Amino acid sequence: MNILLVGSGGREHALAFKIAKSPLLSHLFIAPGNPGTDPYGTNVDISVDDTQGILDFCERNTIELVVVGPEAPLVNGLADQLREAGVSVFGPSALASQLEGSKVWCKELLERNRIPTGSSRSFRDYNQAVSYLEGAVQYPLVIKVSGLAAGKGVMICQDPVEAKHTACEILQEKRFGKAGELMLVEEFLEGPEISAFCLTDGNTFIPLESCQDHKALLNGNKGPNTGGMGAVSPNSELSSRANDTIERNIFLPTIHGMAREGRRFQGILFAGIMMTAGGPKVLEFNVRFGDPETQVLMMRFASDIVPYLKGCADSTLDQLEAPQWDPRPACTVVLAAPGYPSEYPKGLPISGIGDVEQSDELQVFHAGTKIVDEQLVTNGGRVLAITAIGDHVADAREKAYAAASKIDFDGKQMRTDIGLASQLASEVNY
C-alpha cells in the first residue's frame, strides 16, 4: 500500500516512525516532511495547503491512503477533495473539522448534546464584550479566539482589566486576524488536565491510551501557554472509572451528535479535558493527533497502526480488535527555540543528535528543523521532541533527559519536570 502522510512536524515524524513498521506498506511519502522523516520514506516538496498538488501527487503515485497530520488543511477541506477524487483519507471533512475550527460552534454542539463543559458566552462586538466582562462574572476566566490560532488563542484572565485588554487585542486590534472575529469567554475550570483520544469512523470508536500534556513554558506549569513542552503516557492520575466516564459521557455523545447533524467524523478525536470535582469536562476538541502526545502514543502503540488508519478512512473500524499497547510508560521532552512561544530566531545550528543512540525505545523526533549546507538547524519554535520508553516513569524520564542533555543549540529551552507528577503519583500508588 502506498501511503501519503501530510505534514512536517514532530507529530508527523512520530506517525512516520510507526507507519514505516507496517508490513502492509509498500512506500511512504511525506509532504513536505522534515529531516527526521526522510529515513522512513520519501519527502516530497508539496506544502500542506497545496490541495491541488496533493491531489495530483496521489493520482501519479497510486496513493491508497492519505493521513492528514495538521488541522488547517482539514478545516480547509483537504479530506473532502481527496474523497471526491476516490482516495481513502484518514481525517475528517471540513464540516466535521469545525469541531476544532470554530470553538464557538464546538461549544454549541456540546451544549446541544448535554456533554459536560464549562459555561460560556461568545462576542463579536467589543463594547458588548466589555459590558459583560465588567459585570457579575467570576474571575479568573478564560478568553479564546474561536478560529485556529496555532495553540496561541487561549488566555487566562485574572481580573476585568486583563480581560478587557485581551478583548481589545482580539476584537479591536485584530491580533489574531480572521481567527479572532468571534471571541469566546469561558468559565475557568480547575483540576488536572488530561488528553484523551479515540479513533473513529463515525460509527465505531476505539479509545487510545491516556496522556498528560505539559502546556506551560516553564517548570511548575508557570509562564505562557505553548503548543506543548512535553508529555507522558499513560496518565497515572486517570483512573479506569474516569476513563469509562469519558468514553460514555464525552466521546460517545459527541460522535453520535456529529452524525445526527450530518457531520460524520472519521479520524482521530482529541479531547482536552479538565478533571473537575464534578467530573470530567471538555475544554476543547481537536480533530488531529496531538503534538507532543503523538510521540508518546506511537512509542507505546504495539499493533500495526495502518489497519486502524485505513479502518477509520473506509468505515470498517468495527472489523478490528482493540490495539495492543506496550504497558511501559513513555515520556517526551520538547526542546524549544529561544523566545518561543513569542518571536524566535531560525537557523541556529543543532549539535549532538549523533551522540544519541536511537532505538525503538528512544527517539529524537524532529518538530522544527531543516538542513542548510549539510548542517541541521532550527526551523520552528518547538525544535525536537526527545521520547523514551522505560520500565517505569522515572526510567523513561531519565532516558529522555539524558538524551536531551546531549543535544544543544543556542538558547535551548527545556522544562525539567515533564512527567514528574506522574512519576510521584506512580511511586505513591506503588
Protein backbone atom coordinates (compact mmCIF):
# COMPACT_ATOMS: atom_id res chain seq x y z
CA MET A 1 0.00 0.00 0.00
CA ASN A 2 1.32 3.45 -0.98
CA ILE A 3 0.63 5.96 1.79
CA LEU A 4 0.96 9.74 1.78
CA LEU A 5 1.45 11.44 5.15
CA VAL A 6 0.71 15.18 5.09
CA GLY A 7 2.64 17.42 7.48
CA SER A 8 6.10 18.44 8.64
CA GLY A 9 6.20 18.45 12.44
CA GLY A 10 7.01 16.21 15.36
CA ARG A 11 3.59 14.59 15.12
CA GLU A 12 4.27 13.57 11.53
CA HIS A 13 7.74 12.27 12.36
CA ALA A 14 6.22 10.06 15.08
CA LEU A 15 3.50 8.83 12.70
CA ALA A 16 6.09 8.10 10.01
CA PHE A 17 8.15 6.16 12.56
CA LYS A 18 5.11 3.97 13.29
CA ILE A 19 3.63 3.66 9.78
CA ALA A 20 7.02 2.60 8.38
CA LYS A 21 6.90 -0.53 10.54
CA SER A 22 3.73 -1.82 8.85
CA PRO A 23 4.02 -4.96 6.69
CA LEU A 24 1.14 -3.53 4.63
CA LEU A 25 3.27 -0.59 3.50
CA SER A 26 4.77 -0.52 0.01
CA HIS A 27 6.07 3.03 0.13
CA LEU A 28 5.59 6.01 2.43
CA PHE A 29 5.65 9.56 1.09
CA ILE A 30 5.67 12.57 3.41
CA ALA A 31 4.58 16.01 2.20
CA PRO A 32 6.60 18.02 2.90
CA GLY A 33 8.18 16.08 5.79
CA ASN A 34 11.33 17.13 7.65
CA PRO A 35 14.89 15.82 8.10
CA GLY A 36 13.63 13.31 10.67
CA THR A 37 11.01 11.73 8.41
CA ASP A 38 13.37 11.20 5.49
CA PRO A 39 14.71 7.78 6.65
CA TYR A 40 11.17 6.34 6.75
CA GLY A 41 10.13 7.12 3.19
CA THR A 42 10.36 9.88 0.62
CA ASN A 43 9.91 13.54 1.50
CA VAL A 44 8.12 15.40 -1.30
CA ASP A 45 8.18 19.16 -1.74
CA ILE A 46 4.45 19.84 -1.50
CA SER A 47 3.01 22.27 1.03
CA VAL A 48 0.21 21.11 3.33
CA ASP A 49 -2.05 23.81 1.87
CA ASP A 50 -1.38 22.89 -1.77
CA THR A 51 -4.56 20.87 -2.23
CA GLN A 52 -4.23 20.51 -5.99
CA GLY A 53 -0.60 19.48 -5.68
CA ILE A 54 -1.57 16.77 -3.19
CA LEU A 55 -4.40 15.54 -5.44
CA ASP A 56 -2.09 15.37 -8.47
CA PHE A 57 0.58 13.55 -6.47
CA CYS A 58 -1.95 10.95 -5.28
CA GLU A 59 -3.01 10.25 -8.86
CA ARG A 60 0.54 9.98 -10.19
CA ASN A 61 1.74 7.69 -7.39
CA THR A 62 -1.30 5.45 -6.88
CA ILE A 63 -1.77 6.56 -3.29
CA GLU A 64 -4.15 4.24 -1.44
CA LEU A 65 -4.31 6.12 1.87
CA VAL A 66 -3.66 9.72 2.85
CA VAL A 67 -3.03 10.51 6.52
CA VAL A 68 -3.51 14.22 7.26
CA GLY A 69 -1.47 15.43 10.24
CA PRO A 70 -2.22 19.14 10.86
CA GLU A 71 -5.61 20.74 11.44
CA ALA A 72 -5.52 23.63 8.94
CA PRO A 73 -5.80 21.55 5.73
CA LEU A 74 -8.62 19.54 7.32
CA VAL A 75 -10.56 22.69 8.21
CA ASN A 76 -9.93 23.92 4.66
CA GLY A 77 -11.45 20.78 3.12
CA LEU A 78 -8.49 18.64 2.03
CA ALA A 79 -10.20 15.42 3.14
CA ASP A 80 -13.34 16.32 1.14
CA GLN A 81 -11.32 16.90 -2.02
CA LEU A 82 -9.46 13.61 -1.60
CA ARG A 83 -12.65 11.63 -1.03
CA GLU A 84 -14.24 13.21 -4.09
CA ALA A 85 -11.20 12.00 -6.06
CA GLY A 86 -11.70 8.46 -4.75
CA VAL A 87 -8.75 8.45 -2.34
CA SER A 88 -9.10 6.96 1.15
CA VAL A 89 -8.21 9.56 3.74
CA PHE A 90 -7.67 9.49 7.48
CA GLY A 91 -9.08 12.81 8.63
CA PRO A 92 -12.47 14.47 8.98
CA SER A 93 -14.40 16.55 6.46
CA ALA A 94 -14.41 20.36 6.59
CA LEU A 95 -17.83 20.27 8.25
CA ALA A 96 -16.68 17.81 10.91
CA SER A 97 -13.43 19.74 11.38
CA GLN A 98 -15.40 22.72 12.67
CA LEU A 99 -15.14 20.91 15.99
CA GLU A 100 -11.66 22.46 16.14
CA GLY A 101 -12.03 25.18 13.51
CA SER A 102 -14.70 27.03 15.49
CA LYS A 103 -14.55 26.92 19.27
CA VAL A 104 -17.93 28.67 19.42
CA TRP A 105 -19.57 26.03 17.19
CA CYS A 106 -17.92 23.28 19.25
CA LYS A 107 -19.31 24.79 22.45
CA GLU A 108 -22.79 24.92 20.92
CA LEU A 109 -22.54 21.25 19.89
CA LEU A 110 -21.53 20.27 23.42
CA GLU A 111 -24.48 22.17 24.87
CA ARG A 112 -26.96 20.70 22.35
CA ASN A 113 -25.85 17.20 23.26
CA ARG A 114 -25.54 17.81 27.01
CA ILE A 115 -21.86 16.98 27.04
CA PRO A 116 -20.19 18.34 30.20
CA THR A 117 -18.25 21.56 29.64
CA GLY A 118 -17.79 24.98 31.22
CA SER A 119 -20.34 27.76 30.76
CA SER A 120 -19.54 30.38 28.12
CA ARG A 121 -20.60 33.44 26.10
CA SER A 122 -19.48 34.50 22.63
CA PHE A 123 -18.96 38.02 21.28
CA ARG A 124 -18.26 39.79 18.01
CA ASP A 125 -18.71 43.30 19.37
CA TYR A 126 -16.04 44.76 21.64
CA ASN A 127 -18.38 47.03 23.60
CA GLN A 128 -20.78 44.18 24.35
CA ALA A 129 -17.84 42.05 25.49
CA VAL A 130 -16.62 44.82 27.81
CA SER A 131 -20.08 45.24 29.37
CA TYR A 132 -20.11 41.51 30.12
CA LEU A 133 -16.54 41.45 31.44
CA GLU A 134 -17.27 44.36 33.78
CA GLY A 135 -20.46 42.74 35.04
CA ALA A 136 -21.15 39.99 37.53
CA VAL A 137 -18.74 37.43 36.12
CA GLN A 138 -16.39 35.36 38.23
CA TYR A 139 -12.62 35.65 37.80
CA PRO A 140 -10.36 34.13 36.74
CA LEU A 141 -11.97 33.36 33.39
CA VAL A 142 -10.75 32.14 30.03
CA ILE A 143 -10.88 34.04 26.75
CA LYS A 144 -10.43 32.16 23.48
CA VAL A 145 -10.42 33.14 19.84
CA SER A 146 -12.91 30.96 18.01
CA GLY A 147 -10.76 30.11 14.98
CA LEU A 148 -7.43 28.37 14.51
CA ALA A 149 -4.60 30.19 16.25
CA ALA A 150 -1.74 27.64 16.31
CA GLY A 151 -2.25 26.95 20.02
CA LYS A 152 -1.84 30.62 20.98
CA GLY A 153 -5.50 31.68 21.12
CA VAL A 154 -6.28 30.85 24.77
CA MET A 155 -5.73 33.42 27.53
CA ILE A 156 -6.47 33.10 31.26
CA CYS A 157 -7.50 36.49 32.67
CA GLN A 158 -7.32 37.20 36.40
CA ASP A 159 -9.37 40.41 36.55
CA PRO A 160 -11.53 42.77 34.42
CA VAL A 161 -8.55 44.94 33.43
CA GLU A 162 -6.67 42.00 31.96
CA ALA A 163 -9.84 40.62 30.34
CA LYS A 164 -10.70 43.95 28.66
CA HIS A 165 -7.13 44.30 27.38
CA THR A 166 -7.33 40.80 25.89
CA ALA A 167 -10.73 41.53 24.32
CA CYS A 168 -9.31 44.72 22.81
CA GLU A 169 -6.39 42.82 21.27
CA ILE A 170 -8.75 40.26 19.76
CA LEU A 171 -11.78 42.27 18.63
CA GLN A 172 -10.36 45.77 18.01
CA GLU A 173 -6.66 45.36 17.24
CA LYS A 174 -7.31 42.14 15.26
CA ARG A 175 -4.22 40.46 16.71
CA PHE A 176 -5.46 37.06 15.54
CA GLY A 177 -6.96 38.21 12.25
CA LYS A 178 -9.90 36.20 10.92
CA ALA A 179 -9.50 33.61 13.70
CA GLY A 180 -10.44 36.28 16.24
CA GLU A 181 -13.56 37.67 14.54
CA LEU A 182 -15.55 35.74 17.14
CA MET A 183 -14.41 35.56 20.77
CA LEU A 184 -15.39 33.05 23.45
CA VAL A 185 -15.49 33.93 27.15
CA GLU A 186 -15.47 30.76 29.20
CA GLU A 187 -15.73 29.63 32.78
CA PHE A 188 -12.36 28.83 34.36
CA LEU A 189 -12.29 25.13 35.29
CA GLU A 190 -9.96 23.73 37.93
CA GLY A 191 -8.38 20.31 38.26
CA PRO A 192 -5.83 18.11 36.48
CA GLU A 193 -5.90 18.50 32.69
CA ILE A 194 -5.72 15.34 30.59
CA SER A 195 -5.57 14.48 26.89
CA ALA A 196 -7.98 11.79 25.70
CA PHE A 197 -8.02 10.28 22.21
CA CYS A 198 -10.18 7.90 20.22
CA LEU A 199 -10.07 6.59 16.68
CA THR A 200 -13.45 6.66 14.95
CA ASP A 201 -15.06 6.06 11.57
CA GLY A 202 -18.20 7.90 12.66
CA ASN A 203 -19.96 4.75 13.80
CA THR A 204 -17.47 2.82 15.92
CA PHE A 205 -14.78 4.27 18.16
CA ILE A 206 -11.66 2.81 19.73
CA PRO A 207 -10.18 4.73 22.68
CA LEU A 208 -6.42 5.15 22.84
CA GLU A 209 -4.23 5.18 25.92
CA SER A 210 -4.26 8.30 28.10
CA CYS A 211 -1.67 11.11 28.05
CA GLN A 212 -0.79 14.18 30.02
CA ASP A 213 0.44 17.22 28.10
CA HIS A 214 2.50 19.99 29.71
CA LYS A 215 1.42 23.22 28.02
CA ALA A 216 3.11 25.90 30.12
CA LEU A 217 6.59 27.01 29.08
CA LEU A 218 8.21 26.78 32.50
CA ASN A 219 8.55 24.29 35.33
CA GLY A 220 5.63 24.06 37.73
CA ASN A 221 3.18 24.95 34.92
CA LYS A 222 4.32 28.57 35.05
CA GLY A 223 4.72 31.02 32.20
CA PRO A 224 2.82 31.38 28.93
CA ASN A 225 0.96 28.55 27.24
CA THR A 226 2.70 26.79 24.36
CA GLY A 227 1.81 24.08 21.89
CA GLY A 228 3.17 21.63 24.46
CA MET A 229 6.57 21.29 26.17
CA GLY A 230 6.33 17.56 26.81
CA ALA A 231 4.02 14.68 27.56
CA VAL A 232 3.79 11.41 29.44
CA SER A 233 1.69 8.30 28.80
CA PRO A 234 -0.18 6.75 30.47
CA ASN A 235 -1.59 9.44 32.71
CA SER A 236 -1.19 7.95 36.18
CA GLU A 237 -3.73 10.42 37.60
CA LEU A 238 -6.54 9.00 35.44
CA SER A 239 -8.48 6.04 36.89
CA SER A 240 -10.20 3.35 34.83
CA ARG A 241 -13.51 4.64 36.17
CA ALA A 242 -12.75 8.14 34.90
CA ASN A 243 -11.76 6.65 31.54
CA ASP A 244 -15.13 4.90 31.32
CA THR A 245 -16.90 8.17 32.15
CA ILE A 246 -15.03 9.98 29.38
CA GLU A 247 -15.95 7.33 26.84
CA ARG A 248 -19.61 7.23 27.89
CA ASN A 249 -20.29 10.92 28.58
CA ILE A 250 -17.95 12.63 26.11
CA PHE A 251 -16.79 10.54 23.16
CA LEU A 252 -19.99 8.58 22.52
CA PRO A 253 -22.45 11.53 22.54
CA THR A 254 -20.02 13.68 20.54
CA ILE A 255 -19.67 11.10 17.76
CA HIS A 256 -23.42 10.42 17.68
CA GLY A 257 -24.24 14.13 17.84
CA MET A 258 -21.94 14.88 14.92
CA ALA A 259 -23.52 12.09 12.85
CA ARG A 260 -27.06 13.34 13.56
CA GLU A 261 -26.07 16.77 12.28
CA GLY A 262 -24.65 15.40 9.03
CA ARG A 263 -21.03 15.85 10.13
CA ARG A 264 -19.90 12.24 10.49
CA PHE A 265 -16.42 12.23 11.97
CA GLN A 266 -13.68 9.99 10.53
CA GLY A 267 -10.22 10.19 12.05
CA ILE A 268 -8.79 10.91 15.46
CA LEU A 269 -10.90 12.74 18.02
CA PHE A 270 -8.72 14.50 20.60
CA ALA A 271 -10.39 15.92 23.70
CA GLY A 272 -8.71 18.30 26.11
CA ILE A 273 -10.45 17.54 29.40
CA MET A 274 -10.37 19.07 32.87
CA MET A 275 -10.93 16.59 35.67
CA THR A 276 -13.04 18.83 37.91
CA ALA A 277 -14.55 17.97 41.28
CA GLY A 278 -17.82 17.47 39.39
CA GLY A 279 -16.29 15.04 36.90
CA PRO A 280 -14.57 15.37 33.51
CA LYS A 281 -15.49 18.44 31.44
CA VAL A 282 -14.44 19.26 27.89
CA LEU A 283 -12.07 22.19 27.45
CA GLU A 284 -11.75 21.80 23.69
CA PHE A 285 -11.72 19.30 20.86
CA ASN A 286 -9.03 18.84 18.25
CA VAL A 287 -9.53 16.92 15.02
CA ARG A 288 -6.00 15.56 14.64
CA PHE A 289 -3.34 13.79 16.65
CA GLY A 290 -1.87 15.92 19.41
CA ASP A 291 1.68 17.16 19.45
CA PRO A 292 3.61 16.16 21.59
CA GLU A 293 1.13 13.45 22.67
CA THR A 294 1.57 11.54 19.39
CA GLN A 295 5.22 10.98 20.21
CA VAL A 296 4.48 9.02 23.40
CA LEU A 297 1.44 7.26 21.92
CA MET A 298 3.36 5.96 18.90
CA MET A 299 6.15 4.66 21.13
CA ARG A 300 3.61 2.62 23.11
CA PHE A 301 1.25 1.55 20.27
CA ALA A 302 2.28 -2.09 19.81
CA SER A 303 -0.07 -3.09 16.98
CA ASP A 304 0.28 -2.27 13.30
CA ILE A 305 -1.29 1.20 13.06
CA VAL A 306 -2.09 1.13 9.33
CA PRO A 307 -5.23 -1.09 9.59
CA TYR A 308 -6.65 1.35 12.15
CA LEU A 309 -5.96 4.39 9.99
CA LYS A 310 -7.48 2.62 6.97
CA GLY A 311 -10.43 1.41 9.07
CA CYS A 312 -11.29 4.99 10.02
CA ALA A 313 -10.96 6.09 6.40
CA ASP A 314 -13.07 3.24 4.97
CA SER A 315 -15.66 2.92 7.78
CA THR A 316 -14.51 -0.59 8.68
CA LEU A 317 -13.26 0.05 12.20
CA ASP A 318 -15.82 -2.39 13.60
CA GLN A 319 -13.88 -5.23 11.95
CA LEU A 320 -10.80 -4.61 14.11
CA GLU A 321 -9.95 -5.66 17.63
CA ALA A 322 -8.66 -3.14 20.15
CA PRO A 323 -4.95 -2.45 19.57
CA GLN A 324 -2.20 -3.80 21.79
CA TRP A 325 -0.14 -1.42 23.90
CA ASP A 326 3.30 -1.62 25.43
CA PRO A 327 2.44 -1.47 29.16
CA ARG A 328 5.55 0.55 29.93
CA PRO A 329 5.28 4.34 30.24
CA ALA A 330 6.74 6.83 27.77
CA CYS A 331 7.94 10.38 28.25
CA THR A 332 8.71 13.08 25.67
CA VAL A 333 10.67 16.27 26.37
CA VAL A 334 10.46 19.18 23.92
CA LEU A 335 13.48 21.34 23.14
CA ALA A 336 12.31 24.81 22.08
CA ALA A 337 13.96 27.78 20.42
CA PRO A 338 14.88 30.89 22.41
CA GLY A 339 11.98 33.33 22.58
CA TYR A 340 9.31 30.67 21.99
CA PRO A 341 6.26 30.92 22.23
CA SER A 342 6.77 34.54 21.09
CA GLU A 343 9.10 35.50 18.27
CA TYR A 344 12.13 33.26 17.89
CA PRO A 345 15.14 33.00 15.57
CA LYS A 346 15.56 30.27 12.98
CA GLY A 347 18.70 28.76 11.51
CA LEU A 348 20.51 28.01 14.78
CA PRO A 349 22.94 25.09 14.33
CA ILE A 350 21.96 21.94 16.22
CA SER A 351 24.63 19.63 17.62
CA GLY A 352 24.70 16.34 19.49
CA ILE A 353 21.93 14.31 17.86
CA GLY A 354 24.53 11.90 16.55
CA ASP A 355 25.57 11.22 20.14
CA VAL A 356 22.12 9.85 20.96
CA GLU A 357 21.81 6.12 20.33
CA GLN A 358 18.28 5.88 18.92
CA SER A 359 16.18 2.71 19.03
CA ASP A 360 12.58 1.56 19.36
CA GLU A 361 12.81 2.73 22.98
CA LEU A 362 14.45 6.11 22.40
CA GLN A 363 13.73 8.50 19.53
CA VAL A 364 14.61 12.09 18.66
CA PHE A 365 11.54 13.34 16.79
CA HIS A 366 12.08 16.42 14.63
CA ALA A 367 9.46 19.15 15.04
CA GLY A 368 11.09 22.29 13.62
CA THR A 369 14.34 21.52 11.80
CA LYS A 370 15.84 21.74 8.34
CA ILE A 371 19.20 21.14 6.70
CA VAL A 372 21.15 24.13 5.40
CA ASP A 373 24.53 23.47 3.72
CA GLU A 374 24.61 19.97 5.25
CA GLN A 375 24.07 21.41 8.75
CA LEU A 376 20.92 20.61 10.78
CA VAL A 377 19.44 23.89 12.04
CA THR A 378 16.36 25.06 13.92
CA ASN A 379 13.32 25.94 11.82
CA GLY A 380 10.49 26.38 14.32
CA GLY A 381 9.51 27.23 17.87
CA ARG A 382 9.44 23.66 19.06
CA VAL A 383 12.53 22.07 17.57
CA LEU A 384 12.86 18.47 18.80
CA ALA A 385 10.95 16.04 21.00
CA ILE A 386 13.15 13.54 22.82
CA THR A 387 10.98 10.49 23.53
CA ALA A 388 11.80 7.44 25.63
CA ILE A 389 10.03 4.39 26.97
CA GLY A 390 11.04 2.82 30.28
CA ASP A 391 10.16 0.18 32.83
CA HIS A 392 8.59 2.92 34.97
CA VAL A 393 8.04 6.67 34.65
CA ALA A 394 11.30 7.56 36.40
CA ASP A 395 13.20 5.33 33.98
CA ALA A 396 11.50 6.88 30.92
CA ARG A 397 12.20 10.39 32.24
CA GLU A 398 15.84 9.56 32.96
CA LYS A 399 16.39 8.22 29.43
CA ALA A 400 14.67 11.18 27.78
CA TYR A 401 16.54 13.80 29.80
CA ALA A 402 19.89 12.03 29.39
CA ALA A 403 19.44 12.16 25.62
CA ALA A 404 18.18 15.75 25.71
CA SER A 405 21.30 16.84 27.61
CA LYS A 406 23.47 15.70 24.69
CA ILE A 407 21.68 17.92 22.16
CA ASP A 408 22.34 21.64 22.01
CA PHE A 409 21.63 24.84 20.14
CA ASP A 410 21.90 28.46 21.24
CA GLY A 411 19.20 29.46 23.74
CA LYS A 412 17.71 25.96 24.05
CA GLN A 413 14.60 25.97 26.25
CA MET A 414 13.53 22.81 28.09
CA ARG A 415 11.34 22.08 31.08
CA THR A 416 12.97 19.76 33.61
CA ASP A 417 9.76 18.49 35.26
CA ILE A 418 7.99 16.71 32.39
CA GLY A 419 6.30 13.62 33.79
CA LEU A 420 7.42 14.38 37.34
CA ALA A 421 3.86 14.50 38.71
CA SER A 422 3.10 11.14 37.07
CA GLN A 423 6.32 9.72 38.48
CA LEU A 424 5.45 10.84 42.00
CA ALA A 425 1.87 9.56 41.67
CA SER A 426 3.02 6.17 40.39
CA GLU A 427 5.56 5.87 43.23
CA VAL A 428 2.84 6.62 45.79
CA ASN A 429 0.50 4.10 44.18
CA TYR A 430 3.27 1.53 44.09
